[in-house]
Protein backbone atom coordinates (compact mmCIF):
# COMPACT_ATOMS: atom_id res chain seq x y z
CA MET A 1 -9.86 -62.57 17.77
CA LYS A 2 -10.42 -59.08 16.33
CA LYS A 3 -12.52 -58.88 13.10
CA LYS A 4 -10.84 -57.19 10.11
CA ASN A 5 -12.38 -54.03 8.72
CA GLY A 6 -12.28 -52.94 5.05
CA PHE A 7 -13.44 -54.27 1.72
CA GLY A 8 -13.68 -57.94 1.15
CA PHE A 9 -13.98 -59.70 -2.17
CA LEU A 10 -17.80 -59.54 -2.13
CA GLN A 11 -17.92 -55.82 -1.38
CA TYR A 12 -15.34 -55.09 -4.04
CA GLY A 13 -17.37 -57.07 -6.59
CA ILE A 14 -20.53 -55.17 -5.70
CA LEU A 15 -18.73 -51.82 -6.06
CA VAL A 16 -17.32 -52.74 -9.48
CA THR A 17 -20.74 -53.95 -10.61
CA VAL A 18 -22.41 -50.69 -9.52
CA VAL A 19 -19.77 -48.52 -11.19
CA MET A 20 -19.87 -50.50 -14.43
CA SER A 21 -23.66 -50.48 -14.45
CA GLY A 22 -23.60 -46.72 -13.99
CA LEU A 23 -21.14 -46.27 -16.87
CA LEU A 24 -23.16 -48.52 -19.14
CA ALA A 25 -26.40 -46.73 -18.22
CA TYR A 26 -24.77 -43.38 -18.96
CA SER A 27 -23.51 -44.67 -22.31
CA MET A 28 -26.95 -45.97 -23.20
CA PHE A 29 -28.80 -42.71 -22.52
CA ASN A 30 -26.15 -39.98 -22.85
CA GLY A 31 -22.90 -41.44 -24.11
CA ASP A 32 -21.60 -43.63 -26.93
CA ARG A 33 -24.19 -46.29 -27.76
CA LYS A 34 -21.76 -48.06 -30.06
CA LEU A 35 -20.67 -50.04 -27.02
CA PHE A 36 -23.95 -51.94 -27.28
CA LEU A 37 -23.81 -52.77 -31.00
CA PRO A 38 -23.45 -56.56 -31.44
CA GLY A 39 -21.69 -56.08 -34.79
CA LYS A 40 -21.05 -53.73 -37.69
CA THR A 41 -24.16 -52.49 -39.48
CA THR A 42 -24.69 -52.40 -43.24
CA HIS A 43 -23.99 -49.51 -45.59
CA GLY A 44 -27.69 -48.68 -45.73
CA HIS A 45 -28.27 -48.48 -41.98
CA HIS A 46 -25.03 -47.38 -40.33
CA GLN A 47 -26.17 -43.73 -40.21
CA ILE A 48 -29.01 -44.66 -37.86
CA GLU A 49 -27.36 -47.55 -36.01
CA LEU A 50 -27.60 -45.73 -32.66
CA LYS A 51 -31.35 -45.23 -33.02
CA CYS A 52 -31.98 -48.83 -31.96
CA ASP A 53 -35.74 -48.51 -31.46
CA THR A 54 -36.23 -47.63 -35.13
CA CYS A 55 -35.91 -51.32 -36.00
CA HIS A 56 -36.25 -52.97 -32.59
CA VAL A 57 -39.71 -51.61 -31.88
CA GLU A 58 -40.82 -54.19 -29.30
CA SER A 59 -38.01 -55.16 -26.95
CA PHE A 60 -35.91 -56.62 -29.75
CA LYS A 61 -38.63 -59.02 -30.88
CA ALA A 62 -38.26 -60.54 -34.34
CA GLY A 63 -41.12 -61.57 -36.62
CA GLU A 64 -44.03 -59.26 -37.33
CA PRO A 65 -42.85 -56.24 -35.27
CA MET A 66 -39.50 -56.26 -37.05
CA GLN A 67 -41.19 -56.69 -40.44
CA GLU A 68 -43.41 -53.69 -39.79
CA ALA A 69 -40.33 -51.66 -38.89
CA CYS A 70 -38.69 -52.60 -42.21
CA LEU A 71 -41.77 -51.69 -44.22
CA SER A 72 -42.21 -48.37 -42.43
CA CYS A 73 -39.11 -47.20 -44.33
CA HIS A 74 -38.99 -49.41 -47.42
CA SER A 75 -42.61 -50.07 -48.45
CA GLU A 76 -42.82 -47.02 -50.73
CA SER A 77 -39.70 -47.92 -52.72
CA LEU A 78 -40.89 -51.55 -53.01
CA ALA A 79 -44.22 -50.34 -54.37
CA GLN A 80 -42.47 -48.09 -56.90
CA ALA A 81 -40.30 -51.02 -57.97
CA LYS A 82 -43.39 -53.24 -58.45
CA ASP A 83 -41.71 -55.77 -56.20
CA THR A 84 -41.06 -59.01 -58.07
CA HIS A 85 -41.25 -61.07 -54.87
CA PRO A 86 -44.04 -59.51 -52.79
CA LYS A 87 -45.48 -61.17 -49.72
CA THR A 88 -48.61 -62.13 -51.66
CA LYS A 89 -46.57 -64.40 -53.92
CA PHE A 90 -45.54 -66.55 -50.97
CA THR A 91 -48.85 -66.48 -49.10
CA ASP A 92 -50.53 -67.81 -52.25
CA PRO A 93 -51.43 -71.45 -51.39
CA ARG A 94 -49.99 -72.58 -54.73
CA ASN A 95 -46.54 -71.47 -53.55
CA SER A 96 -46.81 -72.57 -49.94
CA ASP A 97 -44.21 -75.29 -50.42
CA LEU A 98 -41.59 -72.67 -51.24
CA LEU A 99 -41.73 -71.27 -47.71
CA ALA A 100 -40.37 -74.55 -46.40
CA ASN A 101 -37.12 -73.74 -48.22
CA LEU A 102 -36.99 -70.00 -47.58
CA ASN A 103 -39.22 -67.80 -45.42
CA ALA A 104 -39.32 -65.04 -48.02
CA ILE A 105 -42.23 -63.15 -46.44
CA GLU A 106 -39.91 -61.51 -43.88
CA CYS A 107 -37.12 -59.10 -44.80
CA ALA A 108 -34.89 -60.37 -41.99
CA THR A 109 -34.66 -63.78 -43.65
CA CYS A 110 -32.34 -62.28 -46.26
CA HIS A 111 -31.16 -59.13 -44.48
CA ILE A 112 -29.73 -59.72 -40.99
CA GLU A 113 -28.10 -56.68 -39.43
CA HIS A 114 -24.90 -56.67 -37.33
CA SER A 115 -23.49 -59.67 -39.21
CA PRO A 116 -20.64 -58.33 -41.36
CA GLU A 117 -19.02 -61.76 -41.71
CA ILE A 118 -21.96 -63.01 -43.82
CA THR A 119 -23.14 -59.74 -45.38
CA GLY A 120 -22.76 -59.45 -49.14
CA GLU A 121 -23.82 -56.93 -51.76
CA HIS A 122 -27.05 -55.02 -51.10
CA GLY A 123 -26.99 -56.12 -47.45
CA VAL A 124 -27.95 -59.72 -48.30
CA THR A 125 -26.86 -62.22 -45.66
CA LEU A 126 -27.89 -65.40 -47.47
CA PRO A 127 -25.42 -67.37 -49.62
CA GLU A 128 -25.16 -65.86 -53.10
CA ASP A 129 -26.87 -68.86 -54.65
CA PHE A 130 -30.11 -68.41 -52.66
CA CYS A 131 -32.14 -68.36 -55.91
CA PHE A 132 -31.57 -72.13 -55.99
CA TYR A 133 -34.13 -72.61 -53.20
CA CYS A 134 -37.01 -71.88 -55.57
CA HIS A 135 -35.54 -71.98 -59.08
CA ARG A 136 -33.42 -75.14 -59.06
CA ASP A 137 -35.19 -76.47 -62.19
CA ILE A 138 -34.77 -73.31 -64.26
CA ALA A 139 -32.36 -75.04 -66.70
CA ASN A 140 -35.14 -77.54 -67.55
CA GLU A 141 -37.58 -74.71 -68.19
CA ARG A 142 -35.10 -72.58 -70.14
CA SER A 143 -32.26 -74.30 -71.94
CA SER A 144 -30.45 -70.96 -72.24
CA HIS A 145 -29.77 -71.13 -68.50
CA ASP A 146 -28.16 -74.55 -68.62
CA GLY A 147 -24.73 -74.50 -66.99
CA PHE A 148 -25.24 -71.13 -65.28
CA ASP A 149 -24.02 -70.78 -61.70
CA PHE A 150 -26.76 -69.72 -59.27
CA GLU A 151 -24.34 -67.20 -57.81
CA SER A 152 -24.52 -65.26 -61.09
CA CYS A 153 -28.28 -64.58 -61.05
CA GLY A 154 -27.95 -61.11 -59.54
CA ASN A 155 -25.40 -59.77 -62.02
CA SER A 156 -26.29 -56.40 -63.50
CA GLY A 157 -28.50 -56.95 -66.52
CA CYS A 158 -29.72 -60.38 -65.42
CA HIS A 159 -32.05 -60.49 -62.42
CA SER A 160 -32.85 -58.41 -59.36
CA TYR A 161 -34.81 -59.86 -56.48
CA HIS A 162 -37.10 -56.84 -55.98
CA ASP A 163 -36.85 -54.54 -59.01
CA ASN A 164 -36.89 -56.02 -62.51
CA ARG A 165 -38.65 -53.19 -64.33
CA ALA A 166 -35.79 -52.85 -66.83
CA LEU A 167 -34.99 -56.57 -66.98
CA TYR A 168 -38.23 -58.29 -68.00
CA GLU A 169 -37.93 -60.24 -71.22
CA LYS A 170 -40.70 -58.35 -73.03
CA PHE A 171 -39.07 -55.05 -72.14
CA LEU A 172 -35.72 -56.28 -73.42
CA GLN A 173 -37.35 -57.45 -76.67
CA LYS A 174 -39.06 -54.10 -77.15
CA ASN A 175 -35.80 -52.16 -76.78
CA ILE A 176 -33.25 -54.67 -78.04
CA GLU A 177 -32.28 -52.92 -81.28
CA LYS A 178 -32.01 -49.34 -79.97
CA PRO A 179 -28.72 -47.61 -80.92
CA LYS A 180 -26.11 -46.97 -78.25
CA VAL A 181 -26.79 -43.22 -78.42
CA LEU A 182 -30.35 -42.19 -79.21
CA ASN A 183 -31.02 -39.71 -82.00
CA SER A 184 -33.49 -37.79 -79.85
CA LYS A 185 -32.85 -37.47 -76.14
CA LYS A 186 -35.61 -37.36 -73.56
CA THR A 187 -35.07 -34.33 -71.35
CA LEU A 188 -37.21 -32.70 -68.69
CA THR A 189 -36.92 -29.05 -67.69
CA VAL A 190 -37.60 -28.17 -64.06
CA ASN A 191 -40.59 -25.84 -64.06
CA GLY A 192 -41.54 -25.42 -60.41
CA LEU A 193 -41.18 -21.62 -60.55
CA ALA A 194 -43.29 -21.33 -63.68
CA VAL A 195 -46.02 -23.57 -62.24
CA TRP A 196 -46.01 -21.57 -59.00
CA LYS A 197 -46.31 -18.25 -60.87
CA SER A 198 -49.26 -19.55 -62.89
CA LYS A 199 -51.09 -20.28 -59.63
CA ASN A 200 -50.04 -17.10 -57.77
CA LYS A 201 -50.43 -14.30 -60.30
CA ASP A 202 -51.27 -11.73 -57.63
CA ILE A 203 -47.92 -12.02 -55.83
CA LYS A 204 -45.37 -9.54 -57.19
CA PRO A 205 -41.57 -9.94 -57.20
CA LEU A 206 -39.54 -8.07 -54.59
CA SER A 207 -36.79 -5.61 -55.47
CA ALA A 208 -33.47 -5.14 -53.68
CA GLU A 209 -34.84 -2.03 -51.95
CA GLN A 210 -37.66 -4.05 -50.40
CA HIS A 211 -35.45 -6.47 -48.47
CA ASP A 212 -35.95 -6.68 -44.70
CA GLY A 213 -32.59 -8.22 -43.84
CA ILE A 214 -30.15 -7.23 -41.11
CA ASN A 215 -26.51 -6.42 -41.80
CA ILE A 216 -24.62 -9.00 -39.74
CA ASN A 217 -20.82 -8.96 -40.18
CA ASN A 218 -21.25 -6.72 -43.25
CA TYR A 219 -22.53 -9.56 -45.44
CA LEU A 220 -25.90 -7.95 -46.19
CA PRO A 221 -24.95 -6.10 -49.44
CA LEU A 222 -23.58 -9.32 -50.95
CA PHE A 223 -26.58 -11.40 -49.93
CA VAL A 224 -29.10 -8.82 -51.17
CA ASP A 225 -27.28 -8.64 -54.51
CA GLN A 226 -27.61 -12.41 -54.84
CA TRP A 227 -31.16 -12.56 -53.53
CA GLN A 228 -32.68 -9.93 -55.85
CA ASP A 229 -32.34 -12.23 -58.89
CA SER A 230 -33.35 -15.42 -57.09
CA ALA A 231 -36.54 -17.44 -57.19
CA HIS A 232 -37.15 -16.33 -53.60
CA ALA A 233 -37.36 -12.65 -54.58
CA GLN A 234 -39.51 -13.52 -57.61
CA THR A 235 -42.01 -15.34 -55.39
CA GLY A 236 -42.17 -12.61 -52.75
CA VAL A 237 -40.09 -14.42 -50.13
CA ASN A 238 -38.20 -11.79 -48.15
CA CYS A 239 -35.22 -12.33 -45.85
CA SER A 240 -37.45 -12.77 -42.82
CA GLY A 241 -39.37 -15.53 -44.60
CA CYS A 242 -36.44 -17.87 -43.98
CA HIS A 243 -34.44 -16.14 -41.25
CA GLU A 244 -37.10 -15.04 -38.77
CA ASN A 245 -36.41 -16.57 -35.36
CA GLN A 246 -39.72 -18.09 -34.29
CA SER A 247 -38.68 -18.25 -30.63
CA HIS A 248 -37.65 -14.59 -30.52
CA GLU A 249 -40.96 -13.41 -29.06
CA ASN A 250 -40.57 -15.70 -26.05
CA GLN A 251 -37.06 -14.51 -25.20
CA SER A 252 -36.11 -11.82 -22.67
CA HIS A 253 -34.46 -8.73 -24.18
CA GLU A 254 -34.10 -6.45 -21.14
CA ASN A 255 -30.29 -6.28 -21.21
CA GLN A 256 -29.87 -6.24 -25.00
CA SER A 257 -29.25 -3.23 -27.21
CA HIS A 258 -31.65 -2.53 -30.05
CA GLU A 259 -29.05 -3.84 -32.54
CA ASN A 260 -28.55 -7.05 -30.57
CA GLN A 261 -32.31 -7.49 -30.22
CA SER A 262 -32.66 -7.21 -34.01
CA GLN A 263 -29.90 -9.74 -34.57
CA SER A 264 -31.38 -12.20 -32.09
CA ALA A 265 -34.66 -11.97 -34.02
CA PHE A 266 -32.80 -13.27 -37.08
CA ASN A 267 -31.93 -16.95 -37.44
CA THR A 268 -28.75 -17.38 -39.48
CA ALA A 269 -28.52 -21.15 -38.96
CA LEU A 270 -31.09 -22.39 -41.47
CA THR A 271 -32.34 -25.96 -41.12
CA VAL A 272 -34.08 -28.47 -43.36
CA LYS A 273 -37.25 -27.76 -41.36
CA VAL A 274 -37.23 -24.14 -42.51
CA CYS A 275 -36.78 -25.13 -46.16
CA SER A 276 -39.50 -27.79 -45.88
CA GLU A 277 -42.15 -25.11 -45.29
CA CYS A 278 -42.03 -24.35 -49.03
CA HIS A 279 -40.06 -27.29 -50.46
CA SER A 280 -41.70 -30.26 -48.77
CA ARG A 281 -41.44 -32.55 -51.79
CA GLN A 282 -37.70 -32.00 -51.97
CA THR A 283 -37.03 -32.25 -48.24
CA ASP A 284 -39.15 -35.40 -47.94
CA GLY A 285 -37.04 -37.01 -50.64
CA PHE A 286 -33.82 -35.79 -49.00
CA LYS A 287 -34.78 -37.40 -45.69
CA GLN A 288 -35.52 -40.73 -47.38
CA GLY A 289 -31.98 -40.98 -48.79
CA LEU A 290 -28.68 -41.66 -47.06
CA HIS A 291 -27.86 -37.95 -46.93
CA GLY A 292 -30.84 -37.01 -44.77
CA MET A 293 -32.23 -40.18 -43.21
CA LYS A 294 -30.97 -39.22 -39.74
CA LEU A 295 -33.17 -36.12 -39.80
CA SER A 296 -36.25 -38.23 -40.50
CA LEU A 297 -35.71 -39.91 -37.12
CA GLY A 298 -35.08 -36.72 -35.18
CA MET A 299 -31.32 -37.24 -35.04
CA LYS A 300 -28.61 -34.66 -35.68
CA PRO A 301 -27.66 -34.14 -39.35
CA LEU A 302 -25.21 -36.56 -40.90
CA LYS A 303 -21.60 -35.40 -40.95
CA VAL A 304 -19.29 -36.27 -43.83
CA LEU A 305 -16.87 -37.99 -41.44
CA GLU A 306 -19.57 -40.60 -40.71
CA ALA A 307 -19.57 -41.82 -44.32
CA ARG A 308 -18.03 -45.16 -45.24
CA LEU A 309 -17.21 -44.05 -48.77
CA ASP A 310 -14.02 -42.18 -49.59
CA MET A 311 -14.49 -38.52 -48.72
CA LYS A 312 -12.30 -35.42 -48.91
CA SER A 313 -10.55 -34.72 -45.61
CA GLY A 314 -11.38 -31.02 -45.73
CA ALA A 315 -15.12 -31.78 -45.71
CA ARG A 316 -15.14 -34.16 -42.75
CA GLN A 317 -16.90 -31.75 -40.37
CA GLN A 318 -19.48 -30.67 -42.95
CA GLU A 319 -23.10 -31.31 -41.91
CA LEU A 320 -25.54 -32.37 -44.60
CA ASN A 321 -28.54 -30.13 -45.02
CA CYS A 322 -30.10 -28.12 -47.85
CA GLY A 323 -27.42 -25.41 -47.61
CA SER A 324 -24.67 -28.02 -48.00
CA CYS A 325 -25.46 -28.28 -51.71
CA HIS A 326 -27.47 -25.15 -52.50
CA ALA A 327 -26.43 -21.49 -52.33
CA PRO A 328 -29.50 -20.27 -50.44
CA HIS A 329 -29.39 -16.69 -51.75
CA ARG A 330 -28.83 -17.48 -55.41
CA PRO A 331 -29.54 -20.80 -57.16
CA ASP A 332 -26.47 -22.12 -58.96
CA LEU A 333 -26.99 -25.11 -61.25
CA LYS A 334 -23.35 -26.14 -61.34
CA LEU A 335 -22.94 -25.76 -57.57
CA ALA A 336 -25.90 -27.97 -56.70
CA ALA A 337 -25.44 -30.49 -59.52
CA VAL A 338 -21.66 -31.01 -59.53
CA THR A 339 -19.51 -28.75 -57.35
CA SER A 340 -21.18 -29.66 -54.07
CA CYS A 341 -20.87 -33.38 -54.85
CA GLN A 342 -17.21 -33.03 -55.78
CA GLY A 343 -16.59 -31.06 -52.58
CA CYS A 344 -17.20 -34.16 -50.46
CA HIS A 345 -16.87 -37.33 -52.53
CA ASP A 346 -13.32 -38.58 -53.13
CA ASP A 347 -13.87 -41.97 -54.79
CA GLN A 348 -12.57 -42.88 -58.26
CA HIS A 349 -15.96 -42.55 -59.95
CA SER A 350 -16.39 -38.99 -58.64
CA ASN A 351 -12.82 -37.91 -59.29
CA ASN A 352 -12.94 -39.15 -62.89
CA TYR A 353 -16.08 -37.17 -63.70
CA ALA A 354 -14.17 -34.03 -64.76
CA SER A 355 -12.45 -35.88 -67.60
CA SER A 356 -15.57 -37.76 -68.75
CA LYS A 357 -17.78 -37.20 -71.79
CA HIS A 358 -20.65 -36.50 -69.43
CA ALA A 359 -18.77 -33.57 -67.88
CA ALA A 360 -17.95 -32.16 -71.33
CA LEU A 361 -21.65 -32.24 -72.23
CA PHE A 362 -22.54 -30.48 -68.98
CA GLU A 363 -20.02 -27.70 -69.71
CA GLU A 364 -21.63 -27.28 -73.13
CA GLU A 365 -25.02 -26.96 -71.45
CA LEU A 366 -23.72 -24.31 -69.05
CA SER A 367 -22.22 -22.34 -71.94
CA GLY A 368 -25.50 -22.45 -73.86
CA GLU A 369 -24.27 -24.77 -76.63
CA LEU A 370 -26.74 -27.42 -75.49
CA ALA A 371 -30.29 -27.00 -74.28
CA GLU A 372 -31.11 -27.29 -70.58
CA GLY A 373 -31.04 -30.92 -69.47
CA GLU A 374 -28.90 -32.20 -72.35
CA GLY A 375 -25.70 -32.07 -70.30
CA VAL A 376 -24.94 -34.77 -67.76
CA SER A 377 -24.07 -33.79 -64.19
CA CYS A 378 -23.82 -35.87 -61.02
CA ALA A 379 -27.44 -34.94 -60.30
CA SER A 380 -28.60 -35.99 -63.78
CA CYS A 381 -28.04 -39.62 -62.83
CA HIS A 382 -28.25 -39.69 -59.04
CA MET A 383 -31.05 -37.12 -58.60
CA PRO A 384 -33.06 -37.41 -61.83
CA ARG A 385 -35.91 -35.16 -62.81
CA LYS A 386 -39.43 -36.47 -62.49
CA LYS A 387 -42.78 -35.38 -63.79
CA LYS A 388 -46.03 -35.42 -61.87
CA GLY A 389 -48.93 -33.85 -63.73
CA LYS A 390 -47.57 -30.59 -65.15
CA LEU A 391 -44.85 -30.28 -62.52
CA VAL A 392 -41.26 -31.31 -63.27
CA TYR A 393 -39.10 -31.54 -60.16
CA VAL A 394 -35.79 -33.01 -58.96
CA GLU A 395 -35.82 -36.26 -56.98
CA HIS A 396 -33.81 -35.48 -53.84
CA ASN A 397 -33.56 -39.07 -52.60
CA GLN A 398 -30.12 -39.70 -54.09
CA THR A 399 -30.21 -43.34 -52.95
CA LEU A 400 -33.43 -44.30 -54.73
CA ASN A 401 -31.87 -45.61 -57.95
CA LEU A 402 -28.39 -46.43 -56.63
CA LYS A 403 -28.52 -50.13 -55.70
CA PRO A 404 -28.85 -52.25 -57.67
CA ASN A 405 -27.72 -49.88 -60.39
CA SER A 406 -30.14 -51.44 -62.91
CA LYS A 407 -32.71 -49.13 -61.28
CA MET A 408 -31.07 -46.32 -63.28
CA LEU A 409 -31.82 -47.87 -66.66
CA ARG A 410 -35.40 -46.71 -67.19
CA THR A 411 -35.27 -43.47 -65.21
CA VAL A 412 -31.86 -42.19 -66.36
CA CYS A 413 -29.74 -44.12 -68.87
CA MET A 414 -32.47 -44.76 -71.45
CA ASN A 415 -33.10 -41.03 -71.79
CA CYS A 416 -29.93 -40.93 -73.92
CA HIS A 417 -28.77 -44.50 -74.59
CA GLY A 418 -30.06 -47.77 -75.95
CA LEU A 419 -30.97 -50.40 -73.37
CA GLU A 420 -28.29 -52.98 -74.21
CA TYR A 421 -25.50 -50.41 -74.35
CA ALA A 422 -26.56 -48.95 -70.98
CA THR A 423 -26.99 -52.36 -69.36
CA ALA A 424 -23.54 -53.47 -70.49
CA ALA A 425 -22.03 -50.24 -69.15
CA LEU A 426 -23.61 -50.66 -65.71
CA ALA A 427 -22.40 -54.26 -65.55
CA ASP A 428 -18.77 -53.15 -65.99
CA LYS A 429 -17.43 -52.12 -62.57
CA SER A 430 -14.14 -50.92 -64.04
CA LEU A 431 -16.01 -48.66 -66.46
CA ILE A 432 -18.06 -47.22 -63.60
CA SER A 433 -14.91 -46.38 -61.63
CA ARG A 434 -13.62 -44.57 -64.77
CA ASN A 435 -16.91 -42.65 -64.89
CA PHE A 436 -17.83 -44.31 -68.18
CA SER A 437 -14.69 -43.19 -70.01
CA GLY A 438 -12.80 -45.56 -72.29
CA ASP A 439 -13.66 -48.71 -74.21
CA PHE A 440 -15.80 -51.58 -72.91
CA ILE A 441 -17.73 -54.55 -74.26
CA GLU A 442 -20.95 -52.97 -75.52
CA GLU A 443 -22.93 -56.21 -75.70
CA HIS A 444 -24.58 -57.99 -72.80
CA PRO A 445 -25.19 -61.78 -72.55
CA SER A 446 -28.84 -61.30 -71.53
CA PHE A 447 -29.63 -59.66 -74.86
CA ASN A 448 -27.92 -62.43 -76.82
CA MET A 449 -30.10 -64.92 -74.95
CA VAL A 450 -33.19 -62.85 -75.80
CA ARG A 451 -32.16 -62.77 -79.47
CA VAL A 452 -31.85 -66.56 -79.50
CA ARG A 453 -35.24 -66.90 -77.79
CA MET A 454 -36.84 -64.48 -80.27
CA GLU A 455 -35.38 -66.45 -83.17
CA GLU A 456 -36.67 -69.73 -81.70
CA ARG A 457 -40.14 -68.25 -81.36
CA ARG A 458 -39.98 -66.85 -84.90
CA ARG A 459 -39.06 -70.27 -86.25
CA ALA A 460 -41.76 -72.00 -84.21
CA LYS A 461 -44.31 -69.49 -85.47
CA GLU A 462 -43.14 -70.04 -89.04
CA GLU A 463 -43.41 -73.81 -88.62
CA ARG A 464 -46.96 -73.48 -87.28
CA ARG A 465 -47.84 -71.27 -90.24
CA ARG A 466 -46.41 -73.79 -92.71
CA ALA A 467 -48.19 -76.68 -91.01
CA LYS A 468 -51.45 -74.76 -91.13
CA GLU A 469 -50.87 -73.92 -94.80
CA GLU A 470 -50.09 -77.57 -95.65
CA LYS A 471 -53.20 -78.72 -93.83
CA ARG A 472 -55.30 -76.20 -95.75
CA HIS A 473 -53.82 -77.35 -99.08
CA SER A 474 -54.38 -80.97 -98.09
CA LYS A 475 -58.05 -80.35 -97.40
CA GLY A 476 -58.36 -78.50 -100.71
CA SER A 477 -56.83 -81.40 -102.63
CA ILE A 478 -59.27 -83.88 -101.09
CA THR A 479 -62.25 -81.67 -101.99
CA ASP A 480 -61.12 -81.23 -105.61
CA ASN A 481 -60.53 -85.00 -106.20
CA PRO A 482 -63.58 -86.31 -108.18
CA THR A 483 -63.01 -89.88 -107.03
CA ASN A 484 -63.97 -88.76 -103.52
């Protein structure tokens, strides 16, 4: 009997396995890695979801390696927040029993990635009542909490697991009677240029005639006109300071004309790396936020189409870098603080800004009716000004005070508003979507609880004073009685 030639079932299976393995290997190293994602990532990590080794540093091991990966990105913000639940609280022997209920020393206990079916607000994957594990007796300790649902602990104005800087009882007591709009507003004026000039008095400004730019596509006259009044010209930064192609010297120019050689020496595609040579504080902040976090890991810049928020269709292909928001040849406050934001974001909060009181104040600032910083732009709240020593600068990590929004209270809202008014506003999601336009309930339950607690303490103090006074009078009466 003659043996059949050709593929049998085994050979066919081997061939399919080899082909599929090849396709998967290609996808892993050169193709679409999304094939390997076990589930949808959270809002905070989806930009870097294909950079698996950022979190999975040791062959997808959990425990300490994973914890170190979390802290490599989040330790600074936790330190700034004065973390209410640091690791030291749970490694303290007096609290060791709490770990039996909840292993709170590891981030992954509360934040499990690739699990959209159990992921709630702020990327928390525990049930909303997880505070119960450690605080089940809180109603016995504080009668004001009796009857409260443990799922309500994290409401804006109540508690935040990590950052309670604007929610501590003493802080609420200190600021409880502030008016809804402060009589004097706290404003900071960016002074980086002035500080730089005070330290570099020998460097003279450049004039339009001193530019060393190249006329590419006839744009040079326009750019020079913009540049001559810019901070760059005032600090002696010429065109080549940003546009010089560092790799030009290593390139071959044998077959290029003099004009083409000059153009190849000029880099028209500016990157965050170029800007960081002078603006490192700003670019470092940018790369820590959602806008620039991909760059911090050596990935390509984020494109608007990758966002999960509502964005304008015409901006989908826009890459996010310094030039996305700033006009590089001439600083424009309105462009960087409002127009650039509105050019991409298409959610209700952003779209309602133009008709808000904040926008009206910003227009008054631009027209000179208000002093610098007294208007309210997108950047006023999401990229607030900070002061370090004599320097006032803009925080470019636009995510830093975003979630939970109570982070904005001390750094932004309280510059203009009383604490209770601001807290109540941030707790109203409908008001936020209207960009703080329209009526809302201006009181917050937390402050009513604080008022009750303050009154109880006042009465207790008064009772102690009366008891002490009665005791003193009693002793005096005994001393004055001659029969004794």
